[in-house]
Amino acid sequence: MAFKISDDCAACGACESECPNGAIVAGDRYSIDPEKCTDCGTCADVCPVGAISGEKK
C-alpha cells in the first residue's frame, strides 16, 4: 500500500524533494503516485503538518 497525503497538506514541498523515487506529485494539495511509491516513509518523516500516512516497510 502506498503512502497517502491527506487534505491537511500545506503544499510546502518538503516531501517532494525528499522522495527517492520521485513519487510525489505537486499541486494545490500534493499527492503520491502509488506506482512509484515504495513505502519507505521518508515523506511522512519530513512532513511538518503530519499529512502523510501509510505503513513503512
PDB file of N, CA and C in Angstrom:
ATOM      1  N   MET A   1       0.843  -1.186   0.000  1.00  0.00           N
ATOM      2  CA  MET A   1       0.000   0.000   0.000  1.00  0.00           C
ATOM      3  C   MET A   1       0.880   1.239   0.000  1.00  0.00           C
ATOM      4  N   ALA A   2       0.659   2.136  -0.918  1.00  0.00           N
ATOM      5  CA  ALA A   2       1.422   3.373  -1.000  1.00  0.00           C
ATOM      6  C   ALA A   2       0.994   4.334   0.105  1.00  0.00           C
ATOM      7  N   PHE A   3       1.907   5.216   0.468  1.00  0.00           N
ATOM      8  CA  PHE A   3       1.578   6.274   1.418  1.00  0.00           C
ATOM      9  C   PHE A   3       0.566   7.204   0.771  1.00  0.00           C
ATOM     10  N   LYS A   4      -0.199   7.904   1.592  1.00  0.00           N
ATOM     11  CA  LYS A   4      -1.242   8.815   1.112  1.00  0.00           C
ATOM     12  C   LYS A   4      -1.054  10.176   1.774  1.00  0.00           C
ATOM     13  N   ILE A   5      -1.451  11.231   1.057  1.00  0.00           N
ATOM     14  CA  ILE A   5      -1.400  12.582   1.588  1.00  0.00           C
ATOM     15  C   ILE A   5      -2.833  13.054   1.813  1.00  0.00           C
ATOM     16  N   SER A   6      -3.121  13.502   3.027  1.00  0.00           N
ATOM     17  CA  SER A   6      -4.481  13.914   3.385  1.00  0.00           C
ATOM     18  C   SER A   6      -4.761  15.365   2.982  1.00  0.00           C
ATOM     19  N   ASP A   7      -5.990  15.793   3.214  1.00  0.00           N
ATOM     20  CA  ASP A   7      -6.401  17.168   2.929  1.00  0.00           C
ATOM     21  C   ASP A   7      -5.687  18.171   3.824  1.00  0.00           C
ATOM     22  N   ASP A   8      -4.985  17.707   4.849  1.00  0.00           N
ATOM     23  CA  ASP A   8      -4.241  18.596   5.742  1.00  0.00           C
ATOM     24  C   ASP A   8      -2.955  19.107   5.095  1.00  0.00           C
ATOM     25  N   CYS A   9      -2.625  18.623   3.909  1.00  0.00           N
ATOM     26  CA  CYS A   9      -1.403  19.010   3.201  1.00  0.00           C
ATOM     27  C   CYS A   9      -1.338  20.531   3.035  1.00  0.00           C
ATOM     28  N   ALA A  10      -0.183  21.107   3.410  1.00  0.00           N
ATOM     29  CA  ALA A  10       0.034  22.544   3.287  1.00  0.00           C
ATOM     30  C   ALA A  10       0.757  22.904   1.986  1.00  0.00           C
ATOM     31  N   ALA A  11       1.039  21.915   1.148  1.00  0.00           N
ATOM     32  CA  ALA A  11       1.729  22.106  -0.138  1.00  0.00           C
ATOM     33  C   ALA A  11       3.045  22.865   0.042  1.00  0.00           C
ATOM     34  N   CYS A  12       3.792  22.508   1.081  1.00  0.00           N
ATOM     35  CA  CYS A  12       5.051  23.196   1.385  1.00  0.00           C
ATOM     36  C   CYS A  12       6.209  22.679   0.540  1.00  0.00           C
ATOM     37  N   GLY A  13       6.105  21.457   0.023  1.00  0.00           N
ATOM     38  CA  GLY A  13       7.137  20.894  -0.825  1.00  0.00           C
ATOM     39  C   GLY A  13       8.225  20.116  -0.103  1.00  0.00           C
ATOM     40  N   ALA A  14       8.154  20.038   1.212  1.00  0.00           N
ATOM     41  CA  ALA A  14       9.189  19.329   1.974  1.00  0.00           C
ATOM     42  C   ALA A  14       9.307  17.870   1.541  1.00  0.00           C
ATOM     43  N   CYS A  15       8.199  17.224   1.294  1.00  0.00           N
ATOM     44  CA  CYS A  15       8.203  15.802   0.932  1.00  0.00           C
ATOM     45  C   CYS A  15       8.726  15.560  -0.479  1.00  0.00           C
ATOM     46  N   GLU A  16       8.409  16.457  -1.392  1.00  0.00           N
ATOM     47  CA  GLU A  16       8.757  16.261  -2.805  1.00  0.00           C
ATOM     48  C   GLU A  16      10.259  16.103  -3.002  1.00  0.00           C
ATOM     49  N   SER A  17      11.040  16.948  -2.360  1.00  0.00           N
ATOM     50  CA  SER A  17      12.491  16.898  -2.553  1.00  0.00           C
ATOM     51  C   SER A  17      13.134  15.715  -1.835  1.00  0.00           C
ATOM     52  N   GLU A  18      12.440  15.136  -0.860  1.00  0.00           N
ATOM     53  CA  GLU A  18      12.988  14.019  -0.085  1.00  0.00           C
ATOM     54  C   GLU A  18      12.670  12.645  -0.667  1.00  0.00           C
ATOM     55  N   CYS A  19      11.680  12.548  -1.541  1.00  0.00           N
ATOM     56  CA  CYS A  19      11.267  11.249  -2.080  1.00  0.00           C
ATOM     57  C   CYS A  19      12.345  10.695  -3.012  1.00  0.00           C
ATOM     58  N   PRO A  20      12.922   9.533  -2.684  1.00  0.00           N
ATOM     59  CA  PRO A  20      13.981   8.963  -3.516  1.00  0.00           C
ATOM     60  C   PRO A  20      13.482   8.389  -4.841  1.00  0.00           C
ATOM     61  N   ASN A  21      12.168   8.260  -4.987  1.00  0.00           N
ATOM     62  CA  ASN A  21      11.606   7.648  -6.187  1.00  0.00           C
ATOM     63  C   ASN A  21      10.827   8.614  -7.071  1.00  0.00           C
ATOM     64  N   GLY A  22      10.771   9.875  -6.691  1.00  0.00           N
ATOM     65  CA  GLY A  22      10.026  10.855  -7.475  1.00  0.00           C
ATOM     66  C   GLY A  22       8.539  10.574  -7.516  1.00  0.00           C
ATOM     67  N   ALA A  23       8.006  10.029  -6.418  1.00  0.00           N
ATOM     68  CA  ALA A  23       6.595   9.642  -6.383  1.00  0.00           C
ATOM     69  C   ALA A  23       5.658  10.774  -5.957  1.00  0.00           C
ATOM     70  N   ILE A  24       6.208  11.890  -5.489  1.00  0.00           N
ATOM     71  CA  ILE A  24       5.379  12.997  -5.029  1.00  0.00           C
ATOM     72  C   ILE A  24       5.011  13.880  -6.215  1.00  0.00           C
ATOM     73  N   VAL A  25       3.710  14.158  -6.367  1.00  0.00           N
ATOM     74  CA  VAL A  25       3.204  14.984  -7.452  1.00  0.00           C
ATOM     75  C   VAL A  25       2.720  16.307  -6.853  1.00  0.00           C
ATOM     76  N   ALA A  26       3.326  17.429  -7.293  1.00  0.00           N
ATOM     77  CA  ALA A  26       2.977  18.749  -6.774  1.00  0.00           C
ATOM     78  C   ALA A  26       1.622  19.208  -7.285  1.00  0.00           C
ATOM     79  N   GLY A  27       0.987  20.066  -6.494  1.00  0.00           N
ATOM     80  CA  GLY A  27      -0.295  20.647  -6.855  1.00  0.00           C
ATOM     81  C   GLY A  27      -0.805  21.481  -5.704  1.00  0.00           C
ATOM     82  N   ASP A  28      -2.072  21.894  -5.760  1.00  0.00           N
ATOM     83  CA  ASP A  28      -2.661  22.630  -4.636  1.00  0.00           C
ATOM     84  C   ASP A  28      -2.557  21.804  -3.370  1.00  0.00           C
ATOM     85  N   ARG A  29      -2.763  20.515  -3.536  1.00  0.00           N
ATOM     86  CA  ARG A  29      -2.535  19.524  -2.475  1.00  0.00           C
ATOM     87  C   ARG A  29      -1.692  18.458  -3.136  1.00  0.00           C
ATOM     88  N   TYR A  30      -0.576  18.142  -2.555  1.00  0.00           N
ATOM     89  CA  TYR A  30       0.317  17.158  -3.155  1.00  0.00           C
ATOM     90  C   TYR A  30      -0.315  15.762  -3.109  1.00  0.00           C
ATOM     91  N   SER A  31       0.164  14.883  -3.989  1.00  0.00           N
ATOM     92  CA  SER A  31      -0.310  13.502  -3.997  1.00  0.00           C
ATOM     93  C   SER A  31       0.881  12.582  -4.225  1.00  0.00           C
ATOM     94  N   ILE A  32       0.661  11.290  -4.018  1.00  0.00           N
ATOM     95  CA  ILE A  32       1.713  10.297  -4.180  1.00  0.00           C
ATOM     96  C   ILE A  32       1.293   9.301  -5.258  1.00  0.00           C
ATOM     97  N   ASP A  33       2.161   9.110  -6.229  1.00  0.00           N
ATOM     98  CA  ASP A  33       1.917   8.147  -7.303  1.00  0.00           C
ATOM     99  C   ASP A  33       2.143   6.744  -6.723  1.00  0.00           C
ATOM    100  N   PRO A  34       1.087   5.944  -6.577  1.00  0.00           N
ATOM    101  CA  PRO A  34       1.234   4.620  -5.960  1.00  0.00           C
ATOM    102  C   PRO A  34       2.104   3.662  -6.767  1.00  0.00           C
ATOM    103  N   GLU A  35       2.272   3.925  -8.055  1.00  0.00           N
ATOM    104  CA  GLU A  35       3.117   3.073  -8.889  1.00  0.00           C
ATOM    105  C   GLU A  35       4.602   3.284  -8.583  1.00  0.00           C
ATOM    106  N   LYS A  36       4.952   4.466  -8.105  1.00  0.00           N
ATOM    107  CA  LYS A  36       6.346   4.792  -7.801  1.00  0.00           C
ATOM    108  C   LYS A  36       6.687   4.666  -6.323  1.00  0.00           C
ATOM    109  N   CYS A  37       5.685   4.731  -5.453  1.00  0.00           N
ATOM    110  CA  CYS A  37       5.903   4.697  -4.007  1.00  0.00           C
ATOM    111  C   CYS A  37       6.367   3.307  -3.559  1.00  0.00           C
ATOM    112  N   THR A  38       7.460   3.266  -2.795  1.00  0.00           N
ATOM    113  CA  THR A  38       7.988   2.003  -2.282  1.00  0.00           C
ATOM    114  C   THR A  38       7.770   1.870  -0.776  1.00  0.00           C
ATOM    115  N   ASP A  39       6.924   2.711  -0.202  1.00  0.00           N
ATOM    116  CA  ASP A  39       6.582   2.666   1.227  1.00  0.00           C
ATOM    117  C   ASP A  39       7.787   2.882   2.136  1.00  0.00           C
ATOM    118  N   CYS A  40       8.746   3.710   1.708  1.00  0.00           N
ATOM    119  CA  CYS A  40       9.933   3.941   2.536  1.00  0.00           C
ATOM    120  C   CYS A  40       9.623   4.837   3.732  1.00  0.00           C
ATOM    121  N   GLY A  41       8.620   5.717   3.600  1.00  0.00           N
ATOM    122  CA  GLY A  41       8.211   6.570   4.711  1.00  0.00           C
ATOM    123  C   GLY A  41       8.985   7.862   4.864  1.00  0.00           C
ATOM    124  N   THR A  42       9.922   8.126   3.973  1.00  0.00           N
ATOM    125  CA  THR A  42      10.705   9.356   4.065  1.00  0.00           C
ATOM    126  C   THR A  42       9.813  10.583   4.015  1.00  0.00           C
ATOM    127  N   CYS A  43       8.814  10.566   3.164  1.00  0.00           N
ATOM    128  CA  CYS A  43       7.907  11.712   3.027  1.00  0.00           C
ATOM    129  C   CYS A  43       7.168  11.989   4.335  1.00  0.00           C
ATOM    130  N   ALA A  44       6.697  10.939   4.973  1.00  0.00           N
ATOM    131  CA  ALA A  44       5.968  11.091   6.233  1.00  0.00           C
ATOM    132  C   ALA A  44       6.882  11.627   7.328  1.00  0.00           C
ATOM    133  N   ASP A  45       8.143  11.219   7.310  1.00  0.00           N
ATOM    134  CA  ASP A  45       9.096  11.668   8.318  1.00  0.00           C
ATOM    135  C   ASP A  45       9.374  13.164   8.236  1.00  0.00           C
ATOM    136  N   VAL A  46       9.309  13.743   7.037  1.00  0.00           N
ATOM    137  CA  VAL A  46       9.641  15.159   6.876  1.00  0.00           C
ATOM    138  C   VAL A  46       8.421  16.081   6.821  1.00  0.00           C
ATOM    139  N   CYS A  47       7.214  15.543   6.761  1.00  0.00           N
ATOM    140  CA  CYS A  47       6.016  16.369   6.664  1.00  0.00           C
ATOM    141  C   CYS A  47       5.802  17.174   7.958  1.00  0.00           C
ATOM    142  N   PRO A  48       5.850  18.512   7.877  1.00  0.00           N
ATOM    143  CA  PRO A  48       5.724  19.321   9.085  1.00  0.00           C
ATOM    144  C   PRO A  48       4.322  19.365   9.681  1.00  0.00           C
ATOM    145  N   VAL A  49       3.306  18.968   8.900  1.00  0.00           N
ATOM    146  CA  VAL A  49       1.937  19.010   9.410  1.00  0.00           C
ATOM    147  C   VAL A  49       1.334  17.628   9.613  1.00  0.00           C
ATOM    148  N   GLY A  50       2.123  16.571   9.406  1.00  0.00           N
ATOM    149  CA  GLY A  50       1.646  15.211   9.625  1.00  0.00           C
ATOM    150  C   GLY A  50       0.546  14.778   8.672  1.00  0.00           C
ATOM    151  N   ALA A  51       0.602  15.261   7.429  1.00  0.00           N
ATOM    152  CA  ALA A  51      -0.458  14.980   6.462  1.00  0.00           C
ATOM    153  C   ALA A  51      -0.239  13.690   5.678  1.00  0.00           C
ATOM    154  N   ILE A  52       0.865  12.985   5.922  1.00  0.00           N
ATOM    155  CA  ILE A  52       1.183  11.790   5.150  1.00  0.00           C
ATOM    156  C   ILE A  52       1.126  10.564   6.045  1.00  0.00           C
ATOM    157  N   SER A  53       0.407   9.538   5.582  1.00  0.00           N
ATOM    158  CA  SER A  53       0.276   8.337   6.375  1.00  0.00           C
ATOM    159  C   SER A  53       0.430   7.092   5.506  1.00  0.00           C
ATOM    160  N   GLY A  54       0.754   6.003   6.152  1.00  0.00           N
ATOM    161  CA  GLY A  54       0.938   4.726   5.491  1.00  0.00           C
ATOM    162  C   GLY A  54       1.753   3.825   6.400  1.00  0.00           C
ATOM    163  N   GLU A  55       2.174   2.698   5.880  1.00  0.00           N
ATOM    164  CA  GLU A  55       2.967   1.762   6.671  1.00  0.00           C
ATOM    165  C   GLU A  55       4.348   1.636   6.075  1.00  0.00           C
ATOM    166  N   LYS A  56       5.369   1.868   6.906  1.00  0.00           N
ATOM    167  CA  LYS A  56       6.749   1.693   6.441  1.00  0.00           C
ATOM    168  C   LYS A  56       7.069   0.236   6.293  1.00  0.00           C
ATOM    169  N   LYS A  57       7.846  -0.071   5.272  1.00  0.00           N
ATOM    170  CA  LYS A  57       8.309  -1.453   5.073  1.00  0.00           C
ATOM    171  C   LYS A  57       9.584  -1.648   5.841  1.00  0.00           C
TER     172      LYS A  57
END
